[in-house]
Amino acid sequence: MGLKILDEDEELNPLLSVINLIDVFLVLIATLLMIIVQNPLNPFSQNDVTVIKNPGESNMEMIIKKGEKIERYKASDAIGQGEGSKAGVAYRLKDGSFIYVPE
């Protein structure tokens, strides 16, 4: 007897079209899951990650993920302040590297 469904044309059996749509959706779901896994801020990853969006721009944002905790810091025009003292001097060399000289 065999499967008659597989021998019929798509025009005669709309079930074959539905099976093809299911295959397309399965490929789409697999692709989306791969994109989620490759994202550095993946919620399933235990790695610590720091992402800087728009570096040097006025709307710069820093996202820090430590374990399951995600913190966001947005740039502002305010000047930082606090207590402290000068710890040394940093020099930029011609090749672009920096040297820190403690006092």
N, C-alpha and C. Protein backbone atom coordinates (compact mmCIF):
# COMPACT_ATOMS: atom_id res chain seq x y z
N MET A 1 0.81 -1.19 0.00
CA MET A 1 0.00 0.00 0.00
C MET A 1 0.86 1.25 0.00
N GLY A 2 1.87 1.40 0.88
CA GLY A 2 2.76 2.55 0.88
C GLY A 2 2.06 3.83 1.27
N LEU A 3 2.78 4.92 1.21
CA LEU A 3 2.23 6.23 1.53
C LEU A 3 1.78 6.90 0.25
N LYS A 4 0.50 7.10 0.10
CA LYS A 4 -0.03 7.76 -1.07
C LYS A 4 0.23 9.27 -1.02
N ILE A 5 0.40 9.81 0.20
CA ILE A 5 0.59 11.26 0.35
C ILE A 5 1.84 11.72 -0.39
N LEU A 6 2.90 10.91 -0.32
CA LEU A 6 4.16 11.32 -0.93
C LEU A 6 4.12 11.24 -2.46
N ASP A 7 3.24 10.42 -3.01
CA ASP A 7 3.17 10.26 -4.45
C ASP A 7 2.26 11.29 -5.12
N GLU A 8 1.42 11.98 -4.34
CA GLU A 8 0.47 12.92 -4.91
C GLU A 8 1.14 14.26 -5.22
N ASP A 9 0.57 15.00 -6.12
CA ASP A 9 1.06 16.34 -6.44
C ASP A 9 0.64 17.33 -5.36
N GLU A 10 1.37 18.44 -5.26
CA GLU A 10 1.03 19.48 -4.28
C GLU A 10 -0.31 20.10 -4.59
N GLU A 11 -0.66 20.17 -5.85
CA GLU A 11 -1.93 20.76 -6.22
C GLU A 11 -3.10 19.95 -5.69
N LEU A 12 -2.91 18.66 -5.60
CA LEU A 12 -3.99 17.79 -5.15
C LEU A 12 -4.04 17.66 -3.63
N ASN A 13 -2.89 17.81 -2.98
CA ASN A 13 -2.84 17.61 -1.53
C ASN A 13 -2.23 18.84 -0.86
N PRO A 14 -3.04 19.69 -0.21
CA PRO A 14 -2.51 20.89 0.45
C PRO A 14 -1.67 20.57 1.67
N LEU A 15 -1.73 19.35 2.17
CA LEU A 15 -0.93 18.96 3.34
C LEU A 15 0.57 19.04 3.03
N LEU A 16 0.95 18.78 1.79
CA LEU A 16 2.37 18.86 1.43
C LEU A 16 2.88 20.30 1.53
N SER A 17 2.06 21.28 1.20
CA SER A 17 2.46 22.68 1.35
C SER A 17 2.66 23.05 2.81
N VAL A 18 1.80 22.53 3.68
CA VAL A 18 1.93 22.79 5.11
C VAL A 18 3.21 22.17 5.65
N ILE A 19 3.55 20.99 5.19
CA ILE A 19 4.80 20.34 5.63
C ILE A 19 6.00 21.16 5.19
N ASN A 20 5.98 21.73 3.99
CA ASN A 20 7.07 22.59 3.53
C ASN A 20 7.18 23.85 4.37
N LEU A 21 6.06 24.45 4.76
CA LEU A 21 6.08 25.63 5.63
C LEU A 21 6.69 25.30 6.99
N ILE A 22 6.37 24.15 7.52
CA ILE A 22 6.94 23.73 8.81
C ILE A 22 8.45 23.61 8.69
N ASP A 23 8.95 23.05 7.59
CA ASP A 23 10.40 22.95 7.38
C ASP A 23 11.05 24.32 7.35
N VAL A 24 10.42 25.29 6.69
CA VAL A 24 10.97 26.65 6.62
C VAL A 24 11.02 27.26 8.01
N PHE A 25 9.97 27.09 8.80
CA PHE A 25 9.96 27.65 10.15
C PHE A 25 10.99 26.99 11.05
N LEU A 26 11.24 25.70 10.89
CA LEU A 26 12.28 25.03 11.68
C LEU A 26 13.66 25.59 11.36
N VAL A 27 13.93 25.85 10.10
CA VAL A 27 15.22 26.45 9.72
C VAL A 27 15.34 27.85 10.30
N LEU A 28 14.26 28.63 10.25
CA LEU A 28 14.26 29.98 10.80
C LEU A 28 14.51 29.97 12.31
N ILE A 29 13.87 29.06 13.02
CA ILE A 29 14.06 28.96 14.47
C ILE A 29 15.50 28.56 14.80
N ALA A 30 16.05 27.61 14.05
CA ALA A 30 17.44 27.19 14.29
C ALA A 30 18.40 28.35 14.06
N THR A 31 18.15 29.15 13.03
CA THR A 31 19.01 30.31 12.75
C THR A 31 18.94 31.33 13.87
N LEU A 32 17.74 31.62 14.37
CA LEU A 32 17.59 32.58 15.47
C LEU A 32 18.27 32.08 16.74
N LEU A 33 18.19 30.79 17.03
CA LEU A 33 18.87 30.25 18.21
C LEU A 33 20.39 30.37 18.08
N MET A 34 20.92 30.18 16.87
CA MET A 34 22.37 30.33 16.68
C MET A 34 22.79 31.78 16.88
N ILE A 35 21.96 32.74 16.46
CA ILE A 35 22.28 34.15 16.67
C ILE A 35 22.29 34.48 18.15
N ILE A 36 21.35 33.95 18.91
CA ILE A 36 21.29 34.20 20.36
C ILE A 36 22.53 33.64 21.04
N VAL A 37 22.96 32.45 20.66
CA VAL A 37 24.12 31.82 21.30
C VAL A 37 25.39 32.61 21.02
N GLN A 38 25.52 33.21 19.84
CA GLN A 38 26.73 33.94 19.47
C GLN A 38 26.77 35.35 20.03
N ASN A 39 25.67 35.86 20.55
CA ASN A 39 25.62 37.20 21.12
C ASN A 39 26.48 37.26 22.39
N PRO A 40 27.37 38.26 22.54
CA PRO A 40 28.21 38.31 23.75
C PRO A 40 27.41 38.53 25.03
N LEU A 41 26.23 39.11 24.95
CA LEU A 41 25.40 39.32 26.13
C LEU A 41 24.38 38.21 26.29
N ASN A 42 24.69 37.04 25.75
CA ASN A 42 23.82 35.87 25.82
C ASN A 42 23.45 35.58 27.28
N PRO A 43 22.17 35.51 27.62
CA PRO A 43 21.78 35.27 29.01
C PRO A 43 22.15 33.89 29.53
N PHE A 44 22.46 32.94 28.63
CA PHE A 44 22.81 31.59 29.05
C PHE A 44 24.30 31.41 29.28
N SER A 45 25.10 32.40 28.90
CA SER A 45 26.56 32.33 29.06
C SER A 45 26.96 32.81 30.45
N GLN A 46 27.98 32.20 31.02
CA GLN A 46 28.47 32.59 32.34
C GLN A 46 29.70 33.48 32.25
N ASN A 47 30.11 33.87 31.04
CA ASN A 47 31.28 34.71 30.86
C ASN A 47 30.99 36.15 31.28
N ASP A 48 32.01 36.84 31.82
CA ASP A 48 31.90 38.27 32.11
C ASP A 48 32.24 39.04 30.84
N VAL A 49 31.37 39.98 30.47
CA VAL A 49 31.53 40.69 29.20
C VAL A 49 31.32 42.18 29.44
N THR A 50 32.11 43.03 28.77
CA THR A 50 31.91 44.48 28.76
C THR A 50 31.76 44.91 27.31
N VAL A 51 30.65 45.59 27.02
CA VAL A 51 30.38 46.08 25.66
C VAL A 51 30.26 47.60 25.73
N ILE A 52 30.98 48.30 24.84
CA ILE A 52 30.89 49.77 24.76
C ILE A 52 30.23 50.12 23.44
N LYS A 53 29.05 50.75 23.53
CA LYS A 53 28.31 51.18 22.34
C LYS A 53 28.62 52.64 22.05
N ASN A 54 28.84 52.99 20.81
CA ASN A 54 29.11 54.35 20.35
C ASN A 54 30.27 54.99 21.11
N PRO A 55 31.47 54.39 21.11
CA PRO A 55 32.58 54.96 21.87
C PRO A 55 32.96 56.35 21.40
N GLY A 56 33.15 57.25 22.36
CA GLY A 56 33.56 58.62 22.08
C GLY A 56 32.42 59.53 21.65
N GLU A 57 31.23 59.01 21.50
CA GLU A 57 30.08 59.82 21.09
C GLU A 57 29.35 60.35 22.33
N SER A 58 28.46 61.30 22.11
CA SER A 58 27.71 61.86 23.24
C SER A 58 26.71 60.87 23.81
N ASN A 59 26.30 59.88 23.02
CA ASN A 59 25.35 58.88 23.50
C ASN A 59 26.03 57.55 23.81
N MET A 60 27.31 57.60 24.22
CA MET A 60 28.08 56.40 24.54
C MET A 60 27.42 55.66 25.70
N GLU A 61 27.44 54.34 25.63
CA GLU A 61 26.85 53.51 26.67
C GLU A 61 27.77 52.31 26.93
N MET A 62 27.91 51.93 28.19
CA MET A 62 28.72 50.79 28.56
C MET A 62 27.82 49.76 29.23
N ILE A 63 27.87 48.53 28.74
CA ILE A 63 27.06 47.44 29.28
C ILE A 63 28.02 46.41 29.86
N ILE A 64 27.85 46.11 31.15
CA ILE A 64 28.72 45.16 31.83
C ILE A 64 27.88 43.98 32.30
N LYS A 65 28.29 42.77 31.88
CA LYS A 65 27.60 41.55 32.29
C LYS A 65 28.54 40.74 33.16
N LYS A 66 28.16 40.55 34.41
CA LYS A 66 28.92 39.71 35.34
C LYS A 66 28.02 38.58 35.78
N GLY A 67 28.27 37.37 35.27
CA GLY A 67 27.40 36.25 35.57
C GLY A 67 26.03 36.49 34.97
N GLU A 68 25.01 36.55 35.81
CA GLU A 68 23.65 36.80 35.33
C GLU A 68 23.24 38.26 35.49
N LYS A 69 24.08 39.09 36.09
CA LYS A 69 23.76 40.48 36.36
C LYS A 69 24.27 41.37 35.22
N ILE A 70 23.37 42.22 34.68
CA ILE A 70 23.74 43.14 33.61
C ILE A 70 23.51 44.57 34.09
N GLU A 71 24.57 45.40 34.00
CA GLU A 71 24.48 46.81 34.40
C GLU A 71 24.73 47.68 33.18
N ARG A 72 24.02 48.81 33.10
CA ARG A 72 24.17 49.76 32.00
C ARG A 72 24.61 51.10 32.56
N TYR A 73 25.58 51.70 31.90
CA TYR A 73 26.05 53.04 32.27
C TYR A 73 25.98 53.90 31.02
N LYS A 74 25.36 55.07 31.13
CA LYS A 74 25.25 55.99 30.00
C LYS A 74 26.15 57.20 30.24
N ALA A 75 26.75 57.69 29.17
CA ALA A 75 27.62 58.86 29.25
C ALA A 75 26.78 60.10 29.53
N SER A 76 27.37 61.01 30.29
CA SER A 76 26.72 62.30 30.53
C SER A 76 27.78 63.39 30.40
N ASP A 77 27.33 64.62 30.39
CA ASP A 77 28.27 65.74 30.27
C ASP A 77 28.84 66.15 31.61
N ALA A 78 28.43 65.49 32.69
CA ALA A 78 28.91 65.85 34.02
C ALA A 78 30.37 65.44 34.17
N ILE A 79 31.11 66.22 34.93
CA ILE A 79 32.51 65.93 35.21
C ILE A 79 32.58 65.10 36.47
N GLY A 80 33.36 64.02 36.41
CA GLY A 80 33.50 63.16 37.58
C GLY A 80 34.26 63.86 38.68
N GLN A 81 33.97 63.46 39.89
CA GLN A 81 34.67 64.05 41.02
C GLN A 81 34.86 63.00 42.10
N GLY A 82 35.74 63.26 43.00
CA GLY A 82 36.02 62.33 44.08
C GLY A 82 37.30 62.72 44.78
N GLU A 83 37.69 61.91 45.72
CA GLU A 83 38.91 62.18 46.47
C GLU A 83 40.02 61.29 45.95
N GLY A 84 41.22 61.82 45.97
CA GLY A 84 42.36 61.04 45.51
C GLY A 84 43.57 61.93 45.34
N SER A 85 44.63 61.32 44.89
CA SER A 85 45.86 62.07 44.64
C SER A 85 46.49 61.55 43.35
N LYS A 86 47.37 62.37 42.80
CA LYS A 86 48.05 62.00 41.57
C LYS A 86 48.93 60.79 41.84
N ALA A 87 48.79 59.76 40.98
CA ALA A 87 49.54 58.53 41.20
C ALA A 87 50.70 58.38 40.24
N GLY A 88 50.75 59.18 39.21
CA GLY A 88 51.83 59.07 38.24
C GLY A 88 51.48 59.80 36.98
N VAL A 89 52.26 59.54 35.92
CA VAL A 89 52.08 60.22 34.64
C VAL A 89 52.07 59.16 33.54
N ALA A 90 51.20 59.34 32.56
CA ALA A 90 51.16 58.45 31.41
C ALA A 90 51.66 59.21 30.19
N TYR A 91 52.50 58.54 29.40
CA TYR A 91 53.05 59.14 28.18
C TYR A 91 52.67 58.27 26.98
N ARG A 92 52.30 58.96 25.87
CA ARG A 92 52.01 58.23 24.64
C ARG A 92 53.25 58.29 23.76
N LEU A 93 53.71 57.13 23.29
CA LEU A 93 54.88 57.05 22.42
C LEU A 93 54.46 57.26 20.96
N LYS A 94 55.45 57.42 20.07
CA LYS A 94 55.17 57.66 18.66
C LYS A 94 54.42 56.49 18.01
N ASP A 95 54.64 55.28 18.50
CA ASP A 95 53.96 54.12 17.92
C ASP A 95 52.52 53.96 18.44
N GLY A 96 52.07 54.86 19.33
CA GLY A 96 50.70 54.82 19.83
C GLY A 96 50.54 54.12 21.16
N SER A 97 51.59 53.48 21.64
CA SER A 97 51.49 52.78 22.93
C SER A 97 51.67 53.78 24.09
N PHE A 98 51.23 53.37 25.25
CA PHE A 98 51.33 54.22 26.45
C PHE A 98 52.30 53.62 27.44
N ILE A 99 52.96 54.51 28.17
CA ILE A 99 53.83 54.10 29.27
C ILE A 99 53.37 54.84 30.52
N TYR A 100 53.16 54.13 31.60
CA TYR A 100 52.75 54.73 32.86
C TYR A 100 53.96 54.77 33.78
N VAL A 101 54.24 55.96 34.33
CA VAL A 101 55.36 56.14 35.23
C VAL A 101 54.80 56.54 36.60
N PRO A 102 54.84 55.63 37.58
CA PRO A 102 54.34 55.98 38.91
C PRO A 102 55.26 56.99 39.59
N GLU A 103 54.67 57.80 40.48
CA GLU A 103 55.49 58.79 41.22
C GLU A 103 56.10 58.17 42.43
